[in-house]
Amino acid sequence: MNIRSGYIYKDDFLHRLDARAKIFFTLSSLLFLIAESSSSSIFAFLSLIVILTFHSLGMMGINRAFAPVSFLLLFIFILSPFSCREGTPLLMLSDFVLVTKEGLSYSLHLALRLTGISFLFSLLFSTERMENLLSALTSFGLKYPISLSVILSFSFVHRLSLRYSEIKDAISLRKGGSVGRKGILDVLSALIVYALKEVSSTSNALVGKGYDGKGKVTDMHPLSSSYSVVIISIICILLPWIFHLL
């Protein structure tokens, strides 16, 4: 039995790439996005991720990656610039500084980070089966229960973020416009109902994979062992940090 995920089948380079290399790339990229202080470097790296997403998944993949953070980005650009009013003024109301260059720069930097993180996880779960990711984690020395818990947790959060956007769009169409404050409560209520329904599916997936305390571990996909995998993994680890030099 397969763990439900957002996997999209396609036969291209990213889909054929070893799951361990993808995990290394995702982790290294996360560290880069968190540690990098240059917005231009993050923007250049994000452009690469967007190009890879479009090449492998098309516009559907881009929409799926951008949708979970679109609501957060709206709040960032509405609220964050006003929270930092010391610096070079860009927008003033009489003698009161509303928006500064530094505040707008901080908002842009935060937005690029969140968008990059969303695209990274969307690309990972859309181009790799959960079974292969599980095998990759166990090959790193993690115990099977821990690996399975990590995979289920991240996949569940990823599915909820996708469903949030779908439910919000559906309610918005039904109301003929913006969902509004009351509409947000409707969205959250529908999302809670969906999450509760997913508990049964997740439980069945756990039992099918031998996590019921009785059966043996099942559905472990063997991963290839070769020097090429090591070389590709090293390249995937170093790739994000090349953009630090820009």
C-alpha atoms as a PDB file:
ATOM      1  CA  MET A   1       0.000   0.000   0.000  1.00  0.00           C
ATOM      2  CA  ASN A   2       1.382   3.422  -0.945  1.00  0.00           C
ATOM      3  CA  ILE A   3       1.348   6.420   1.326  1.00  0.00           C
ATOM      4  CA  ARG A   4      -0.801   9.066  -0.296  1.00  0.00           C
ATOM      5  CA  SER A   5       1.192  12.023  -1.543  1.00  0.00           C
ATOM      6  CA  GLY A   6       1.332  14.727  -4.170  1.00  0.00           C
ATOM      7  CA  TYR A   7       3.549  12.641  -6.461  1.00  0.00           C
ATOM      8  CA  ILE A   8       3.128  13.429 -10.162  1.00  0.00           C
ATOM      9  CA  TYR A   9       4.396  10.745 -12.511  1.00  0.00           C
ATOM     10  CA  LYS A  10       6.736  11.823 -15.305  1.00  0.00           C
ATOM     11  CA  ASP A  11       9.851  10.315 -16.850  1.00  0.00           C
ATOM     12  CA  ASP A  12      12.451  13.061 -16.728  1.00  0.00           C
ATOM     13  CA  PHE A  13      15.801  13.795 -15.064  1.00  0.00           C
ATOM     14  CA  LEU A  14      14.407  14.978 -11.724  1.00  0.00           C
ATOM     15  CA  HIS A  15      12.031  12.023 -11.412  1.00  0.00           C
ATOM     16  CA  ARG A  16      14.881   9.612 -12.149  1.00  0.00           C
ATOM     17  CA  LEU A  17      17.301  11.317  -9.755  1.00  0.00           C
ATOM     18  CA  ASP A  18      18.187   9.236  -6.697  1.00  0.00           C
ATOM     19  CA  ALA A  19      15.982   9.966  -3.686  1.00  0.00           C
ATOM     20  CA  ARG A  20      19.003  10.413  -1.414  1.00  0.00           C
ATOM     21  CA  ALA A  21      20.414  13.130  -3.691  1.00  0.00           C
ATOM     22  CA  LYS A  22      17.057  14.920  -3.614  1.00  0.00           C
ATOM     23  CA  ILE A  23      16.985  14.843   0.182  1.00  0.00           C
ATOM     24  CA  PHE A  24      20.558  16.191   0.360  1.00  0.00           C
ATOM     25  CA  PHE A  25      19.656  18.950  -2.102  1.00  0.00           C
ATOM     26  CA  THR A  26      16.510  19.884  -0.152  1.00  0.00           C
ATOM     27  CA  LEU A  27      18.319  20.032   3.205  1.00  0.00           C
ATOM     28  CA  SER A  28      21.276  21.977   1.798  1.00  0.00           C
ATOM     29  CA  SER A  29      18.894  24.381   0.050  1.00  0.00           C
ATOM     30  CA  LEU A  30      16.944  24.957   3.274  1.00  0.00           C
ATOM     31  CA  LEU A  31      20.148  25.853   5.100  1.00  0.00           C
ATOM     32  CA  PHE A  32      21.087  28.190   2.257  1.00  0.00           C
ATOM     33  CA  LEU A  33      17.714  29.964   2.321  1.00  0.00           C
ATOM     34  CA  ILE A  34      17.907  30.415   6.092  1.00  0.00           C
ATOM     35  CA  ALA A  35      21.559  31.505   6.253  1.00  0.00           C
ATOM     36  CA  GLU A  36      21.847  33.608   3.087  1.00  0.00           C
ATOM     37  CA  SER A  37      21.569  37.348   3.715  1.00  0.00           C
ATOM     38  CA  SER A  38      21.590  38.514   0.095  1.00  0.00           C
ATOM     39  CA  SER A  39      18.152  38.821  -1.506  1.00  0.00           C
ATOM     40  CA  SER A  40      19.702  38.775  -4.983  1.00  0.00           C
ATOM     41  CA  SER A  41      21.372  35.407  -4.289  1.00  0.00           C
ATOM     42  CA  ILE A  42      18.136  33.947  -2.956  1.00  0.00           C
ATOM     43  CA  PHE A  43      16.230  35.326  -5.961  1.00  0.00           C
ATOM     44  CA  ALA A  44      18.738  33.736  -8.373  1.00  0.00           C
ATOM     45  CA  PHE A  45      18.464  30.395  -6.583  1.00  0.00           C
ATOM     46  CA  LEU A  46      14.659  30.634  -6.490  1.00  0.00           C
ATOM     47  CA  SER A  47      14.673  31.286 -10.244  1.00  0.00           C
ATOM     48  CA  LEU A  48      16.543  28.003 -10.734  1.00  0.00           C
ATOM     49  CA  ILE A  49      13.999  26.132  -8.593  1.00  0.00           C
ATOM     50  CA  VAL A  50      11.101  27.667 -10.518  1.00  0.00           C
ATOM     51  CA  ILE A  51      12.711  26.668 -13.837  1.00  0.00           C
ATOM     52  CA  LEU A  52      13.237  23.100 -12.588  1.00  0.00           C
ATOM     53  CA  THR A  53       9.632  22.968 -11.360  1.00  0.00           C
ATOM     54  CA  PHE A  54       8.287  24.212 -14.690  1.00  0.00           C
ATOM     55  CA  HIS A  55      10.483  21.787 -16.644  1.00  0.00           C
ATOM     56  CA  SER A  56       9.358  18.758 -14.624  1.00  0.00           C
ATOM     57  CA  LEU A  57       5.794  19.664 -13.634  1.00  0.00           C
ATOM     58  CA  GLY A  58       4.689  22.515 -15.889  1.00  0.00           C
ATOM     59  CA  MET A  59       2.413  25.347 -14.742  1.00  0.00           C
ATOM     60  CA  MET A  60       0.444  22.935 -12.570  1.00  0.00           C
ATOM     61  CA  GLY A  61       3.578  22.322 -10.501  1.00  0.00           C
ATOM     62  CA  ILE A  62       4.259  26.037 -10.148  1.00  0.00           C
ATOM     63  CA  ASN A  63       0.688  26.686  -9.044  1.00  0.00           C
ATOM     64  CA  ARG A  64       0.869  23.864  -6.496  1.00  0.00           C
ATOM     65  CA  ALA A  65       4.123  25.219  -5.080  1.00  0.00           C
ATOM     66  CA  PHE A  66       3.021  28.853  -4.939  1.00  0.00           C
ATOM     67  CA  ALA A  67      -0.539  28.359  -3.675  1.00  0.00           C
ATOM     68  CA  PRO A  68       0.329  27.347  -0.065  1.00  0.00           C
ATOM     69  CA  VAL A  69       2.299  30.561   0.577  1.00  0.00           C
ATOM     70  CA  SER A  70       0.240  33.039  -1.467  1.00  0.00           C
ATOM     71  CA  PHE A  71      -1.921  33.937   1.545  1.00  0.00           C
ATOM     72  CA  LEU A  72       1.151  34.424   3.778  1.00  0.00           C
ATOM     73  CA  LEU A  73       2.901  36.558   1.158  1.00  0.00           C
ATOM     74  CA  LEU A  74      -0.113  38.870   1.054  1.00  0.00           C
ATOM     75  CA  PHE A  75       0.127  39.463   4.792  1.00  0.00           C
ATOM     76  CA  ILE A  76       3.910  39.908   4.609  1.00  0.00           C
ATOM     77  CA  PHE A  77       3.691  42.728   2.070  1.00  0.00           C
ATOM     78  CA  ILE A  78       0.752  44.342   3.873  1.00  0.00           C
ATOM     79  CA  LEU A  79       2.073  44.240   7.445  1.00  0.00           C
ATOM     80  CA  SER A  80       5.866  43.805   7.421  1.00  0.00           C
ATOM     81  CA  PRO A  81       6.834  47.093   5.691  1.00  0.00           C
ATOM     82  CA  PHE A  82       4.941  49.051   8.371  1.00  0.00           C
ATOM     83  CA  SER A  83       6.738  47.274  11.228  1.00  0.00           C
ATOM     84  CA  CYS A  84      10.131  48.720  10.247  1.00  0.00           C
ATOM     85  CA  ARG A  85       9.885  52.511  10.009  1.00  0.00           C
ATOM     86  CA  GLU A  86      13.514  53.431  10.678  1.00  0.00           C
ATOM     87  CA  GLY A  87      15.619  54.024   7.598  1.00  0.00           C
ATOM     88  CA  THR A  88      15.184  55.649   4.216  1.00  0.00           C
ATOM     89  CA  PRO A  89      11.526  56.778   3.856  1.00  0.00           C
ATOM     90  CA  LEU A  90       9.621  55.565   0.795  1.00  0.00           C
ATOM     91  CA  LEU A  91       6.077  56.451   1.843  1.00  0.00           C
ATOM     92  CA  MET A  92       5.154  59.191   4.319  1.00  0.00           C
ATOM     93  CA  LEU A  93       1.910  60.585   5.693  1.00  0.00           C
ATOM     94  CA  SER A  94       2.684  64.149   6.665  1.00  0.00           C
ATOM     95  CA  ASP A  95       5.680  63.747   9.013  1.00  0.00           C
ATOM     96  CA  PHE A  96       4.894  60.112   9.820  1.00  0.00           C
ATOM     97  CA  VAL A  97       6.975  57.453   8.039  1.00  0.00           C
ATOM     98  CA  LEU A  98       4.763  54.589   6.802  1.00  0.00           C
ATOM     99  CA  VAL A  99       7.167  52.531   4.690  1.00  0.00           C
ATOM    100  CA  THR A 100      10.951  52.559   4.542  1.00  0.00           C
ATOM    101  CA  LYS A 101      13.378  51.103   2.045  1.00  0.00           C
ATOM    102  CA  GLU A 102      14.700  48.772   4.748  1.00  0.00           C
ATOM    103  CA  GLY A 103      11.202  47.574   5.683  1.00  0.00           C
ATOM    104  CA  LEU A 104      10.325  46.809   2.077  1.00  0.00           C
ATOM    105  CA  SER A 105      13.672  45.042   1.600  1.00  0.00           C
ATOM    106  CA  TYR A 106      13.039  42.889   4.689  1.00  0.00           C
ATOM    107  CA  SER A 107       9.571  41.957   3.415  1.00  0.00           C
ATOM    108  CA  LEU A 108      10.977  40.969   0.028  1.00  0.00           C
ATOM    109  CA  HIS A 109      13.722  38.905   1.668  1.00  0.00           C
ATOM    110  CA  LEU A 110      11.219  37.057   3.868  1.00  0.00           C
ATOM    111  CA  ALA A 111       8.877  36.474   0.927  1.00  0.00           C
ATOM    112  CA  LEU A 112      11.687  34.997  -1.177  1.00  0.00           C
ATOM    113  CA  ARG A 113      12.659  32.634   1.651  1.00  0.00           C
ATOM    114  CA  LEU A 114       9.114  31.358   2.206  1.00  0.00           C
ATOM    115  CA  THR A 115       8.510  30.940  -1.523  1.00  0.00           C
ATOM    116  CA  GLY A 116      11.787  29.051  -1.903  1.00  0.00           C
ATOM    117  CA  ILE A 117      10.924  26.675   0.958  1.00  0.00           C
ATOM    118  CA  SER A 118       7.478  26.009  -0.504  1.00  0.00           C
ATOM    119  CA  PHE A 119       8.916  25.271  -3.956  1.00  0.00           C
ATOM    120  CA  LEU A 120      11.593  22.980  -2.503  1.00  0.00           C
ATOM    121  CA  PHE A 121       9.174  20.730  -0.638  1.00  0.00           C
ATOM    122  CA  SER A 122       6.662  20.767  -3.480  1.00  0.00           C
ATOM    123  CA  LEU A 123       9.375  19.724  -5.937  1.00  0.00           C
ATOM    124  CA  LEU A 124      10.577  16.957  -3.623  1.00  0.00           C
ATOM    125  CA  PHE A 125       7.169  15.397  -2.975  1.00  0.00           C
ATOM    126  CA  SER A 126       5.965  15.872  -6.564  1.00  0.00           C
ATOM    127  CA  THR A 127       8.956  14.133  -8.168  1.00  0.00           C
ATOM    128  CA  GLU A 128       9.648  11.321  -5.700  1.00  0.00           C
ATOM    129  CA  ARG A 129       7.527   8.482  -4.353  1.00  0.00           C
ATOM    130  CA  MET A 130       7.145   8.283  -0.589  1.00  0.00           C
ATOM    131  CA  GLU A 131       8.417   4.700  -0.593  1.00  0.00           C
ATOM    132  CA  ASN A 132      11.727   5.793  -2.095  1.00  0.00           C
ATOM    133  CA  LEU A 133      12.051   8.683   0.366  1.00  0.00           C
ATOM    134  CA  LEU A 134      11.414   6.222   3.195  1.00  0.00           C
ATOM    135  CA  SER A 135      14.117   3.899   1.881  1.00  0.00           C
ATOM    136  CA  ALA A 136      16.498   6.861   1.552  1.00  0.00           C
ATOM    137  CA  LEU A 137      16.011   7.927   5.180  1.00  0.00           C
ATOM    138  CA  THR A 138      16.527   4.397   6.489  1.00  0.00           C
ATOM    139  CA  SER A 139      19.702   4.120   4.376  1.00  0.00           C
ATOM    140  CA  PHE A 140      21.046   7.131   6.313  1.00  0.00           C
ATOM    141  CA  GLY A 141      20.856   5.092   9.512  1.00  0.00           C
ATOM    142  CA  LEU A 142      17.500   6.358  10.823  1.00  0.00           C
ATOM    143  CA  LYS A 143      15.318   3.704  12.384  1.00  0.00           C
ATOM    144  CA  TYR A 144      12.278   2.697  10.364  1.00  0.00           C
ATOM    145  CA  PRO A 145       9.647   4.122  12.797  1.00  0.00           C
ATOM    146  CA  ILE A 146      11.444   7.490  12.885  1.00  0.00           C
ATOM    147  CA  SER A 147      11.833   7.588   9.094  1.00  0.00           C
ATOM    148  CA  LEU A 148       8.187   6.736   8.575  1.00  0.00           C
ATOM    149  CA  SER A 149       7.073   9.368  11.095  1.00  0.00           C
ATOM    150  CA  VAL A 150       9.151  12.034   9.344  1.00  0.00           C
ATOM    151  CA  ILE A 151       7.784  11.132   5.908  1.00  0.00           C
ATOM    152  CA  LEU A 152       4.173  11.023   7.086  1.00  0.00           C
ATOM    153  CA  SER A 153       4.494  14.321   8.960  1.00  0.00           C
ATOM    154  CA  PHE A 154       5.955  16.247   6.027  1.00  0.00           C
ATOM    155  CA  SER A 155       3.612  14.663   3.491  1.00  0.00           C
ATOM    156  CA  PHE A 156       0.595  15.395   5.701  1.00  0.00           C
ATOM    157  CA  VAL A 157       1.564  19.061   6.084  1.00  0.00           C
ATOM    158  CA  HIS A 158       2.172  19.256   2.336  1.00  0.00           C
ATOM    159  CA  ARG A 159      -1.259  17.775   1.567  1.00  0.00           C
ATOM    160  CA  LEU A 160      -2.983  20.125   4.010  1.00  0.00           C
ATOM    161  CA  SER A 161      -1.319  23.150   2.415  1.00  0.00           C
ATOM    162  CA  LEU A 162      -2.549  22.035  -1.012  1.00  0.00           C
ATOM    163  CA  ARG A 163      -6.074  21.375   0.266  1.00  0.00           C
ATOM    164  CA  TYR A 164      -6.161  24.767   2.014  1.00  0.00           C
ATOM    165  CA  SER A 165      -5.655  26.555  -1.309  1.00  0.00           C
ATOM    166  CA  GLU A 166      -8.200  24.353  -3.093  1.00  0.00           C
ATOM    167  CA  ILE A 167     -10.852  24.827  -0.376  1.00  0.00           C
ATOM    168  CA  LYS A 168     -10.240  28.599  -0.211  1.00  0.00           C
ATOM    169  CA  ASP A 169     -10.628  28.925  -4.007  1.00  0.00           C
ATOM    170  CA  ALA A 170     -13.814  26.827  -3.959  1.00  0.00           C
ATOM    171  CA  ILE A 171     -15.407  28.918  -1.196  1.00  0.00           C
ATOM    172  CA  SER A 172     -14.296  32.116  -2.918  1.00  0.00           C
ATOM    173  CA  LEU A 173     -16.018  31.029  -6.150  1.00  0.00           C
ATOM    174  CA  ARG A 174     -19.164  30.063  -4.232  1.00  0.00           C
ATOM    175  CA  LYS A 175     -19.279  33.477  -2.542  1.00  0.00           C
ATOM    176  CA  GLY A 176     -18.494  35.256  -5.797  1.00  0.00           C
ATOM    177  CA  GLY A 177     -15.380  37.036  -4.558  1.00  0.00           C
ATOM    178  CA  SER A 178     -13.046  37.267  -1.592  1.00  0.00           C
ATOM    179  CA  VAL A 179     -13.685  34.809   1.231  1.00  0.00           C
ATOM    180  CA  GLY A 180     -13.463  37.500   3.909  1.00  0.00           C
ATOM    181  CA  ARG A 181     -13.027  36.920   7.636  1.00  0.00           C
ATOM    182  CA  LYS A 182     -16.103  34.707   7.980  1.00  0.00           C
ATOM    183  CA  GLY A 183     -15.020  32.790   4.893  1.00  0.00           C
ATOM    184  CA  ILE A 184     -11.637  32.023   6.480  1.00  0.00           C
ATOM    185  CA  LEU A 185     -13.480  30.260   9.326  1.00  0.00           C
ATOM    186  CA  ASP A 186     -15.361  28.208   6.731  1.00  0.00           C
ATOM    187  CA  VAL A 187     -12.074  27.293   5.078  1.00  0.00           C
ATOM    188  CA  LEU A 188     -10.496  26.231   8.378  1.00  0.00           C
ATOM    189  CA  SER A 189     -13.580  24.187   9.321  1.00  0.00           C
ATOM    190  CA  ALA A 190     -13.492  22.341   5.992  1.00  0.00           C
ATOM    191  CA  LEU A 191      -9.749  21.790   6.415  1.00  0.00           C
ATOM    192  CA  ILE A 192     -10.254  20.266   9.884  1.00  0.00           C
ATOM    193  CA  VAL A 193     -12.881  17.891   8.489  1.00  0.00           C
ATOM    194  CA  TYR A 194     -10.463  16.865   5.722  1.00  0.00           C
ATOM    195  CA  ALA A 195      -7.651  16.301   8.257  1.00  0.00           C
ATOM    196  CA  LEU A 196      -9.897  14.072  10.390  1.00  0.00           C
ATOM    197  CA  LYS A 197     -10.841  12.005   7.341  1.00  0.00           C
ATOM    198  CA  GLU A 198      -7.158  11.580   6.511  1.00  0.00           C
ATOM    199  CA  VAL A 199      -6.511   9.940   9.896  1.00  0.00           C
ATOM    200  CA  SER A 200      -8.158   6.722   8.701  1.00  0.00           C
ATOM    201  CA  SER A 201      -6.134   6.650   5.475  1.00  0.00           C
ATOM    202  CA  THR A 202      -2.910   7.315   7.358  1.00  0.00           C
ATOM    203  CA  SER A 203      -3.703   4.564   9.851  1.00  0.00           C
ATOM    204  CA  ASN A 204      -4.307   2.069   7.031  1.00  0.00           C
ATOM    205  CA  ALA A 205      -1.033   3.122   5.396  1.00  0.00           C
ATOM    206  CA  LEU A 206       0.847   2.516   8.639  1.00  0.00           C
ATOM    207  CA  VAL A 207      -0.643  -0.961   9.051  1.00  0.00           C
ATOM    208  CA  GLY A 208       0.153  -1.762   5.420  1.00  0.00           C
ATOM    209  CA  LYS A 209       3.787  -0.858   6.044  1.00  0.00           C
ATOM    210  CA  GLY A 210       4.148  -3.036   9.123  1.00  0.00           C
ATOM    211  CA  TYR A 211       3.848  -0.257  11.682  1.00  0.00           C
ATOM    212  CA  ASP A 212       1.094  -1.918  13.699  1.00  0.00           C
ATOM    213  CA  GLY A 213       3.516  -3.508  16.134  1.00  0.00           C
ATOM    214  CA  LYS A 214       2.798  -6.994  14.796  1.00  0.00           C
ATOM    215  CA  GLY A 215       3.794  -7.235  11.170  1.00  0.00           C
ATOM    216  CA  LYS A 216       7.212  -6.898   9.600  1.00  0.00           C
ATOM    217  CA  VAL A 217       8.442  -3.839   7.773  1.00  0.00           C
ATOM    218  CA  THR A 218       7.117  -3.937   4.219  1.00  0.00           C
ATOM    219  CA  ASP A 219       7.334  -2.054   0.938  1.00  0.00           C
ATOM    220  CA  MET A 220      10.990  -1.042   1.277  1.00  0.00           C
ATOM    221  CA  HIS A 221      12.284  -0.133  -2.163  1.00  0.00           C
ATOM    222  CA  PRO A 222      15.953  -1.022  -2.746  1.00  0.00           C
ATOM    223  CA  LEU A 223      18.182   1.885  -3.768  1.00  0.00           C
ATOM    224  CA  SER A 224      21.183   1.551  -6.040  1.00  0.00           C
ATOM    225  CA  SER A 225      24.698   1.640  -4.612  1.00  0.00           C
ATOM    226  CA  SER A 226      27.260   3.249  -6.901  1.00  0.00           C
ATOM    227  CA  TYR A 227      29.891   5.972  -6.966  1.00  0.00           C
ATOM    228  CA  SER A 228      27.709   8.020  -9.309  1.00  0.00           C
ATOM    229  CA  VAL A 229      25.093   8.415  -6.552  1.00  0.00           C
ATOM    230  CA  VAL A 230      27.789   9.737  -4.185  1.00  0.00           C
ATOM    231  CA  ILE A 231      29.080  12.204  -6.791  1.00  0.00           C
ATOM    232  CA  ILE A 232      25.578  13.438  -7.653  1.00  0.00           C
ATOM    233  CA  SER A 233      24.759  13.809  -3.951  1.00  0.00           C
ATOM    234  CA  ILE A 234      27.870  15.949  -3.397  1.00  0.00           C
ATOM    235  CA  ILE A 235      26.903  18.139  -6.358  1.00  0.00           C
ATOM    236  CA  CYS A 236      23.373  18.515  -4.953  1.00  0.00           C
ATOM    237  CA  ILE A 237      24.778  19.582  -1.581  1.00  0.00           C
ATOM    238  CA  LEU A 238      27.126  22.181  -3.089  1.00  0.00           C
ATOM    239  CA  LEU A 239      24.780  23.540  -5.780  1.00  0.00           C
ATOM    240  CA  PRO A 240      22.753  25.973  -3.612  1.00  0.00           C
ATOM    241  CA  TRP A 241      25.891  27.502  -2.108  1.00  0.00           C
ATOM    242  CA  ILE A 242      27.236  28.456  -5.539  1.00  0.00           C
ATOM    243  CA  PHE A 243      24.606  31.205  -5.516  1.00  0.00           C
ATOM    244  CA  HIS A 244      26.250  32.666  -2.391  1.00  0.00           C
ATOM    245  CA  LEU A 245      29.074  33.786  -4.672  1.00  0.00           C
ATOM    246  CA  LEU A 246      26.730  35.861  -6.854  1.00  0.00           C
END
